[in-house]
Amino acid sequence: MNPRKPVLVRITNNLGLGGVQRRLRDLLPLLTDHFAVHVITYKDRGVFFEELRDHGVATHFLPRRFPAVARLAAFLGRLKPTIVHTHSYGGNVLGLPAARLVGAPVRVGHVHSAFLHWYAASPWRRRLQAQKEALVHRICSHAVCCVSEEARQHFLAGTGLAPNRVVVLENGIRRPPEHVTPMSLAALGVPPGAVVLGMAGRITRSKGFAQGISWMAQTPPHVHLVVAGPGDTTALERHVHALGLYGRVHFLGPLTDMPAFYAALDLLLFPSPPGVEGMPGIVLEALGMGLPVLAQESAPLREMAPVAPRLYFFRPELPATAQMEAAMASPAADLAPFFARFSLEAMVERTLHLYETLLRQGRP
């Protein structure tokens, strides 16, 4: 008879089409050989909720209602977790106290961005969020994972936690299939012979999509831009019309087959401003497909750059068209160093090492 697997519980707000959720969708099925894996969402289910179940991960939706911590603790008590691993500010301040109440031996929080981790509208409310989370971690967690060194430094500055409590746990991505059929030009909405630029991600004002459209506006008429991702495009469509780009910018909505999208592009634009992204999965996925990327420079991307020779940073003082042409003309990269660091397998190895260390030590 096989011994009972230790129980790993991840807590996040939803399992929709966001970057955090895509990483969970890829990672968690690969941990089921080692743990009985559960995910609890408290805001929404999302498109990966059922998909994860099909891959051996138990998913649960527990709406956040008063008394939220007590309700979650009661639910965790039935699961008897060995490890509770929470995500982002909301998941950390909800899930870690509940995990402590039930005596989970290992309790880990996760930070996925730098400047947007504490997201309240005013500076004093963000400081209050940081102080609240600092107290939660001092009392309830054993370690905090950050997806980049920038996020780690910002989190340390905001909470005052001891540096040895906060570690970097970089993201990893699936290796692309050996053969990928690109999306057709008709599906993209672009004419034959067009140069195809792309942007992808959750469409919000903070992501800089309008800036990417402005970059593209400097290019000749045969260049088209396709935009994939969930969100309201009304403001971006107005920006397109104001720049005279009607018919050259195409909004595709959310896509599930991202390799097919990347394979159809000549260049990915990534205009997110500094501080918005932790370790952007969109850029990792595109680079892993061998696609050149022209991006707004940021600290996490500089961390990525040593193993990403086709990652270029946009220089506003230089002509946009020349920068795009140079990126597209760059030679194919050797992806072995990139995947040695950013593959899904490397992420699994890093995650298991963290868990094994915390379980062995009991409490760091």
Protein backbone atom coordinates (compact mmCIF):
# COMPACT_ATOMS: atom_id res chain seq x y z
CA MET A 1 0.00 0.00 0.00
CA ASN A 2 1.42 3.39 -1.00
CA PRO A 3 1.87 5.94 1.78
CA ARG A 4 -0.44 8.96 1.63
CA LYS A 5 1.07 11.80 -0.39
CA PRO A 6 1.64 15.08 1.45
CA VAL A 7 -1.02 17.64 0.59
CA LEU A 8 -0.07 20.84 -1.25
CA VAL A 9 -2.68 23.61 -1.37
CA ARG A 10 -2.29 26.67 -3.60
CA ILE A 11 -4.59 29.66 -2.97
CA THR A 12 -5.23 32.26 -5.66
CA ASN A 13 -8.04 34.62 -6.63
CA ASN A 14 -8.97 32.86 -9.88
CA LEU A 15 -7.81 30.50 -12.61
CA GLY A 16 -8.52 32.75 -15.60
CA LEU A 17 -6.29 33.75 -18.50
CA GLY A 18 -3.74 35.77 -16.51
CA GLY A 19 -0.01 35.22 -16.28
CA VAL A 20 -0.08 33.83 -12.73
CA GLN A 21 -2.84 31.44 -13.69
CA ARG A 22 -1.06 30.23 -16.83
CA ARG A 23 2.01 29.41 -14.75
CA LEU A 24 -0.16 27.46 -12.27
CA ARG A 25 -1.88 25.62 -15.13
CA ASP A 26 1.51 24.47 -16.42
CA LEU A 27 3.26 23.81 -13.10
CA LEU A 28 0.76 22.11 -10.82
CA PRO A 29 0.07 18.93 -12.84
CA LEU A 30 3.83 18.23 -12.75
CA LEU A 31 3.79 18.33 -8.94
CA THR A 32 1.14 15.61 -8.62
CA ASP A 33 3.80 12.87 -8.61
CA HIS A 34 5.03 14.32 -5.31
CA PHE A 35 1.91 15.81 -3.70
CA ALA A 36 -1.84 15.58 -3.59
CA VAL A 37 -2.32 19.01 -5.19
CA HIS A 38 -5.30 21.28 -4.51
CA VAL A 39 -6.10 24.81 -5.70
CA ILE A 40 -8.57 27.04 -3.89
CA THR A 41 -9.91 30.12 -5.67
CA TYR A 42 -11.91 32.77 -3.83
CA LYS A 43 -12.94 35.33 -6.47
CA ASP A 44 -13.81 33.30 -9.56
CA ARG A 45 -13.23 29.91 -11.12
CA GLY A 46 -11.76 30.76 -14.55
CA VAL A 47 -11.01 28.79 -17.70
CA PHE A 48 -8.29 26.61 -16.14
CA PHE A 49 -10.48 25.47 -13.22
CA GLU A 50 -11.81 22.38 -15.02
CA GLU A 51 -8.66 21.85 -17.10
CA LEU A 52 -6.56 21.40 -13.97
CA ARG A 53 -9.04 18.84 -12.67
CA ASP A 54 -8.54 16.86 -15.88
CA HIS A 55 -4.80 16.79 -15.08
CA GLY A 56 -5.11 15.44 -11.55
CA VAL A 57 -5.31 18.71 -9.59
CA ALA A 58 -8.29 19.12 -7.25
CA THR A 59 -9.86 22.56 -7.66
CA HIS A 60 -12.21 24.26 -5.20
CA PHE A 61 -14.12 27.55 -5.32
CA LEU A 62 -14.67 29.14 -1.91
CA PRO A 63 -16.15 32.64 -2.35
CA ARG A 64 -14.63 35.21 -0.02
CA ARG A 65 -17.36 36.02 2.51
CA PHE A 66 -17.19 37.04 6.15
CA PRO A 67 -15.66 35.48 8.19
CA ALA A 68 -13.33 34.68 5.29
CA VAL A 69 -10.27 33.50 7.22
CA ALA A 70 -12.29 31.26 9.53
CA ARG A 71 -14.23 29.76 6.60
CA LEU A 72 -11.01 29.06 4.72
CA ALA A 73 -9.38 27.59 7.83
CA ALA A 74 -12.31 25.21 8.28
CA PHE A 75 -11.97 24.10 4.66
CA LEU A 76 -8.20 23.65 4.97
CA GLY A 77 -8.74 21.64 8.13
CA ARG A 78 -10.56 19.03 6.08
CA LEU A 79 -7.70 18.86 3.55
CA LYS A 80 -4.98 18.53 6.24
CA PRO A 81 -2.31 20.33 4.16
CA THR A 82 1.42 19.84 4.57
CA ILE A 83 2.19 22.96 2.50
CA VAL A 84 0.00 25.99 1.87
CA HIS A 85 1.30 28.29 -0.86
CA THR A 86 -0.62 31.53 -1.46
CA HIS A 87 -0.47 34.01 -4.33
CA SER A 88 -0.45 37.82 -4.52
CA TYR A 89 -1.53 40.27 -1.85
CA GLY A 90 -5.12 39.08 -1.55
CA GLY A 91 -4.19 35.41 -1.38
CA ASN A 92 -1.36 36.03 1.08
CA VAL A 93 -3.35 38.01 3.65
CA LEU A 94 -6.30 35.60 3.40
CA GLY A 95 -4.61 32.25 3.07
CA LEU A 96 -1.59 32.45 5.36
CA PRO A 97 -3.54 33.24 8.57
CA ALA A 98 -5.95 30.41 7.73
CA ALA A 99 -3.02 28.05 7.15
CA ARG A 100 -1.50 29.02 10.49
CA LEU A 101 -4.80 28.42 12.26
CA VAL A 102 -4.87 24.81 11.04
CA GLY A 103 -1.16 24.29 11.78
CA ALA A 104 0.06 23.68 8.23
CA PRO A 105 3.75 22.75 8.68
CA VAL A 106 4.98 24.89 5.75
CA ARG A 107 3.39 28.20 4.74
CA VAL A 108 4.65 30.15 1.71
CA GLY A 109 3.53 33.44 0.16
CA HIS A 110 4.17 34.53 -3.41
CA VAL A 111 4.74 37.99 -4.94
CA HIS A 112 4.24 38.32 -8.70
CA SER A 113 5.03 41.98 -9.36
CA ALA A 114 6.92 44.90 -7.88
CA PHE A 115 5.00 48.17 -7.91
CA LEU A 116 1.52 46.66 -8.39
CA HIS A 117 1.64 44.05 -5.62
CA TRP A 118 0.02 46.56 -3.25
CA TYR A 119 -2.63 47.97 -5.53
CA ALA A 120 -4.76 50.40 -3.47
CA ALA A 121 -5.63 53.69 -5.16
CA SER A 122 -3.78 56.05 -2.81
CA PRO A 123 -0.20 55.92 -1.47
CA TRP A 124 -1.24 55.80 2.18
CA ARG A 125 -3.58 52.87 1.50
CA ARG A 126 -0.77 51.03 -0.29
CA ARG A 127 1.47 51.62 2.73
CA LEU A 128 -1.30 50.23 4.90
CA GLN A 129 -1.51 47.13 2.70
CA ALA A 130 2.26 46.67 2.96
CA GLN A 131 2.17 46.98 6.77
CA LYS A 132 -0.73 44.54 6.98
CA GLU A 133 1.04 42.00 4.82
CA ALA A 134 4.30 42.43 6.74
CA LEU A 135 2.45 41.56 9.96
CA VAL A 136 0.84 38.53 8.31
CA HIS A 137 4.21 37.20 7.16
CA ARG A 138 5.91 37.80 10.51
CA ILE A 139 3.23 35.75 12.26
CA CYS A 140 2.08 33.27 9.64
CA SER A 141 4.59 32.45 6.87
CA HIS A 142 7.90 30.64 6.64
CA ALA A 143 9.06 32.06 3.31
CA VAL A 144 8.06 34.52 0.60
CA CYS A 145 8.79 33.83 -3.08
CA CYS A 146 9.25 36.66 -5.58
CA VAL A 147 9.39 36.12 -9.33
CA SER A 148 12.28 38.54 -9.85
CA GLU A 149 14.99 40.31 -7.89
CA GLU A 150 13.25 43.62 -8.55
CA ALA A 151 10.05 42.32 -6.94
CA ARG A 152 12.08 40.96 -4.03
CA GLN A 153 13.82 44.27 -3.36
CA HIS A 154 10.56 46.23 -3.57
CA PHE A 155 8.84 43.77 -1.22
CA LEU A 156 11.69 43.92 1.30
CA ALA A 157 11.61 47.72 1.26
CA GLY A 158 7.86 47.76 1.82
CA THR A 159 7.69 45.16 4.59
CA GLY A 160 11.02 45.30 6.40
CA LEU A 161 11.16 41.51 6.55
CA ALA A 162 14.51 39.80 7.03
CA PRO A 163 16.18 39.26 3.64
CA ASN A 164 16.68 35.54 4.27
CA ARG A 165 12.89 35.11 4.50
CA VAL A 166 12.36 36.36 0.94
CA VAL A 167 13.71 34.40 -2.04
CA VAL A 168 13.55 34.62 -5.83
CA LEU A 169 11.65 31.80 -7.52
CA GLU A 170 11.75 32.47 -11.25
CA ASN A 171 8.98 31.43 -13.61
CA GLY A 172 9.37 28.74 -16.23
CA ILE A 173 7.49 27.94 -19.42
CA ARG A 174 6.55 24.90 -21.43
CA ARG A 175 8.86 24.09 -24.29
CA PRO A 176 6.94 24.75 -27.51
CA PRO A 177 5.69 21.78 -29.52
CA GLU A 178 8.09 20.49 -32.15
CA HIS A 179 5.66 21.42 -34.91
CA VAL A 180 3.42 24.47 -34.51
CA THR A 181 0.86 25.49 -37.13
CA PRO A 182 0.74 29.30 -37.18
CA MET A 183 -2.56 31.14 -37.08
CA SER A 184 -3.58 31.99 -40.62
CA LEU A 185 -3.39 35.53 -41.90
CA ALA A 186 -7.16 35.39 -42.34
CA ALA A 187 -7.63 34.48 -38.67
CA LEU A 188 -5.36 37.38 -37.72
CA GLY A 189 -7.25 39.73 -40.03
CA VAL A 190 -4.16 40.87 -41.95
CA PRO A 191 -3.64 40.86 -45.75
CA PRO A 192 -1.14 38.61 -47.59
CA GLY A 193 2.40 39.94 -47.60
CA ALA A 194 1.97 41.98 -44.40
CA VAL A 195 4.67 42.22 -41.76
CA VAL A 196 2.91 41.08 -38.58
CA LEU A 197 3.72 42.62 -35.21
CA GLY A 198 2.00 41.33 -32.09
CA MET A 199 1.15 42.27 -28.53
CA ALA A 200 -0.45 40.02 -25.93
CA GLY A 201 -1.64 40.08 -22.36
CA ARG A 202 -4.49 41.25 -20.18
CA ILE A 203 -5.62 44.56 -21.65
CA THR A 204 -5.42 47.19 -18.95
CA ARG A 205 -4.16 50.76 -18.99
CA SER A 206 -1.10 49.85 -16.90
CA LYS A 207 0.21 47.39 -19.50
CA GLY A 208 1.21 50.06 -22.01
CA PHE A 209 -0.66 48.76 -25.05
CA ALA A 210 -1.32 52.34 -26.23
CA GLN A 211 2.44 52.93 -26.24
CA GLY A 212 2.97 49.86 -28.41
CA ILE A 213 0.37 51.13 -30.88
CA SER A 214 2.23 54.45 -30.98
CA TRP A 215 5.47 52.59 -31.80
CA MET A 216 3.70 50.78 -34.62
CA ALA A 217 2.28 54.07 -35.98
CA GLN A 218 5.78 55.01 -37.13
CA THR A 219 5.99 52.02 -39.49
CA PRO A 220 5.05 51.85 -43.19
CA PRO A 221 1.55 50.78 -44.33
CA HIS A 222 2.39 47.13 -44.98
CA VAL A 223 3.07 46.60 -41.24
CA HIS A 224 0.09 45.37 -39.22
CA LEU A 225 -0.35 44.86 -35.48
CA VAL A 226 -2.43 42.07 -33.89
CA VAL A 227 -3.38 42.25 -30.20
CA ALA A 228 -4.40 39.16 -28.20
CA GLY A 229 -5.80 39.13 -24.70
CA PRO A 230 -8.87 39.65 -22.54
CA GLY A 231 -10.10 43.11 -21.61
CA ASP A 232 -11.93 46.20 -22.82
CA THR A 233 -10.36 47.54 -26.01
CA THR A 234 -12.56 50.65 -26.35
CA ALA A 235 -9.88 53.16 -25.35
CA LEU A 236 -7.28 51.44 -27.54
CA GLU A 237 -9.63 51.48 -30.52
CA ARG A 238 -10.06 55.24 -30.07
CA HIS A 239 -6.27 55.57 -29.96
CA VAL A 240 -6.01 53.57 -33.20
CA HIS A 241 -8.48 55.86 -34.95
CA ALA A 242 -6.74 58.98 -33.63
CA LEU A 243 -3.45 57.80 -35.13
CA GLY A 244 -5.03 56.97 -38.49
CA LEU A 245 -4.31 53.24 -38.13
CA TYR A 246 -7.80 51.90 -38.85
CA GLY A 247 -7.46 48.57 -40.69
CA ARG A 248 -3.87 48.03 -39.54
CA VAL A 249 -4.49 47.14 -35.87
CA HIS A 250 -6.55 44.03 -35.14
CA PHE A 251 -7.95 43.00 -31.74
CA LEU A 252 -8.33 39.23 -31.44
CA GLY A 253 -9.64 38.88 -27.89
CA PRO A 254 -8.42 36.09 -25.57
CA LEU A 255 -6.64 33.14 -27.18
CA THR A 256 -5.84 29.73 -25.73
CA ASP A 257 -3.38 28.51 -28.41
CA MET A 258 -0.59 31.01 -27.82
CA PRO A 259 2.13 29.03 -29.66
CA ALA A 260 0.07 29.34 -32.86
CA PHE A 261 -0.22 33.09 -32.25
CA TYR A 262 3.52 33.56 -31.67
CA ALA A 263 4.36 31.42 -34.71
CA ALA A 264 2.38 33.80 -36.93
CA LEU A 265 4.31 36.90 -35.81
CA ASP A 266 7.43 38.51 -37.19
CA LEU A 267 8.05 40.45 -33.95
CA LEU A 268 6.49 40.75 -30.50
CA LEU A 269 6.15 44.22 -28.98
CA PHE A 270 6.13 44.40 -25.18
CA PRO A 271 5.56 47.99 -24.06
CA SER A 272 4.75 47.42 -20.36
CA PRO A 273 6.40 50.19 -18.33
CA PRO A 274 8.91 49.44 -15.54
CA GLY A 275 7.46 48.09 -12.32
CA VAL A 276 4.30 46.62 -13.85
CA GLU A 277 5.58 43.12 -14.60
CA GLY A 278 7.24 40.68 -12.25
CA MET A 279 8.76 38.21 -14.73
CA PRO A 280 6.52 38.49 -17.80
CA GLY A 281 5.38 35.16 -19.13
CA ILE A 282 4.42 36.67 -22.50
CA VAL A 283 8.05 37.59 -23.14
CA LEU A 284 9.31 34.22 -21.91
CA GLU A 285 6.87 32.37 -24.16
CA ALA A 286 7.75 34.43 -27.23
CA LEU A 287 11.49 34.07 -26.67
CA GLY A 288 11.03 30.34 -26.13
CA MET A 289 9.44 30.18 -29.59
CA GLY A 290 12.56 31.86 -31.02
CA LEU A 291 10.63 35.06 -31.73
CA PRO A 292 12.42 38.44 -31.48
CA VAL A 293 10.99 40.81 -28.87
CA LEU A 294 11.19 44.61 -28.77
CA ALA A 295 10.33 45.72 -25.25
CA GLN A 296 10.21 48.66 -22.90
CA GLU A 297 13.30 48.24 -20.74
CA SER A 298 12.69 47.10 -17.16
CA ALA A 299 14.63 45.42 -14.37
CA PRO A 300 13.03 41.94 -14.78
CA LEU A 301 13.80 41.98 -18.50
CA ARG A 302 17.40 42.96 -17.77
CA GLU A 303 17.53 39.92 -15.46
CA MET A 304 16.32 37.81 -18.38
CA ALA A 305 18.60 39.34 -21.02
CA PRO A 306 21.81 37.29 -20.44
CA VAL A 307 20.12 34.18 -21.86
CA ALA A 308 17.85 36.01 -24.34
CA PRO A 309 19.89 37.34 -27.30
CA ARG A 310 16.73 38.18 -29.30
CA LEU A 311 15.39 40.50 -26.58
CA TYR A 312 15.82 44.16 -27.58
CA PHE A 313 14.99 47.30 -25.64
CA PHE A 314 13.14 50.15 -27.33
CA ARG A 315 15.08 53.43 -27.53
CA PRO A 316 12.73 56.41 -27.97
CA GLU A 317 15.51 58.55 -29.47
CA LEU A 318 15.91 56.11 -32.39
CA PRO A 319 13.49 55.50 -35.29
CA ALA A 320 10.99 52.79 -34.36
CA THR A 321 11.01 51.20 -37.82
CA ALA A 322 14.80 50.77 -37.78
CA GLN A 323 14.67 49.14 -34.34
CA MET A 324 11.97 46.71 -35.45
CA GLU A 325 13.81 45.82 -38.63
CA ALA A 326 17.03 45.18 -36.69
CA ALA A 327 15.24 42.91 -34.23
CA MET A 328 13.52 40.95 -37.01
CA ALA A 329 16.83 40.57 -38.87
CA SER A 330 18.66 39.17 -35.84
CA PRO A 331 19.95 35.62 -36.23
CA ALA A 332 18.18 32.67 -34.65
CA ALA A 333 19.27 32.13 -31.06
CA ASP A 334 20.63 29.05 -29.33
CA LEU A 335 17.80 28.38 -26.88
CA ALA A 336 19.66 25.87 -24.70
CA PRO A 337 20.86 28.46 -22.12
CA PHE A 338 17.41 30.04 -22.10
CA PHE A 339 15.60 26.79 -21.33
CA ALA A 340 18.23 25.72 -18.80
CA ARG A 341 17.02 28.65 -16.73
CA PHE A 342 13.42 29.31 -17.79
CA SER A 343 11.97 25.94 -18.75
CA LEU A 344 9.01 24.50 -16.91
CA GLU A 345 11.25 21.63 -15.81
CA ALA A 346 13.66 24.10 -14.21
CA MET A 347 10.76 25.76 -12.41
CA VAL A 348 9.54 22.40 -11.11
CA GLU A 349 13.04 21.63 -9.84
CA ARG A 350 13.32 25.00 -8.09
CA THR A 351 9.87 24.62 -6.53
CA LEU A 352 10.54 21.11 -5.23
CA HIS A 353 13.90 22.21 -3.84
CA LEU A 354 12.22 25.04 -1.94
CA TYR A 355 9.56 22.73 -0.51
CA GLU A 356 12.09 20.05 0.42
CA THR A 357 14.27 22.62 2.18
CA LEU A 358 11.35 24.02 4.20
CA LEU A 359 10.04 20.56 5.08
CA ARG A 360 13.50 19.41 6.14
CA GLN A 361 14.06 22.47 8.30
CA GLY A 362 10.54 22.55 9.66
CA ARG A 363 10.81 26.32 9.91
CA PRO A 364 13.67 28.39 8.50
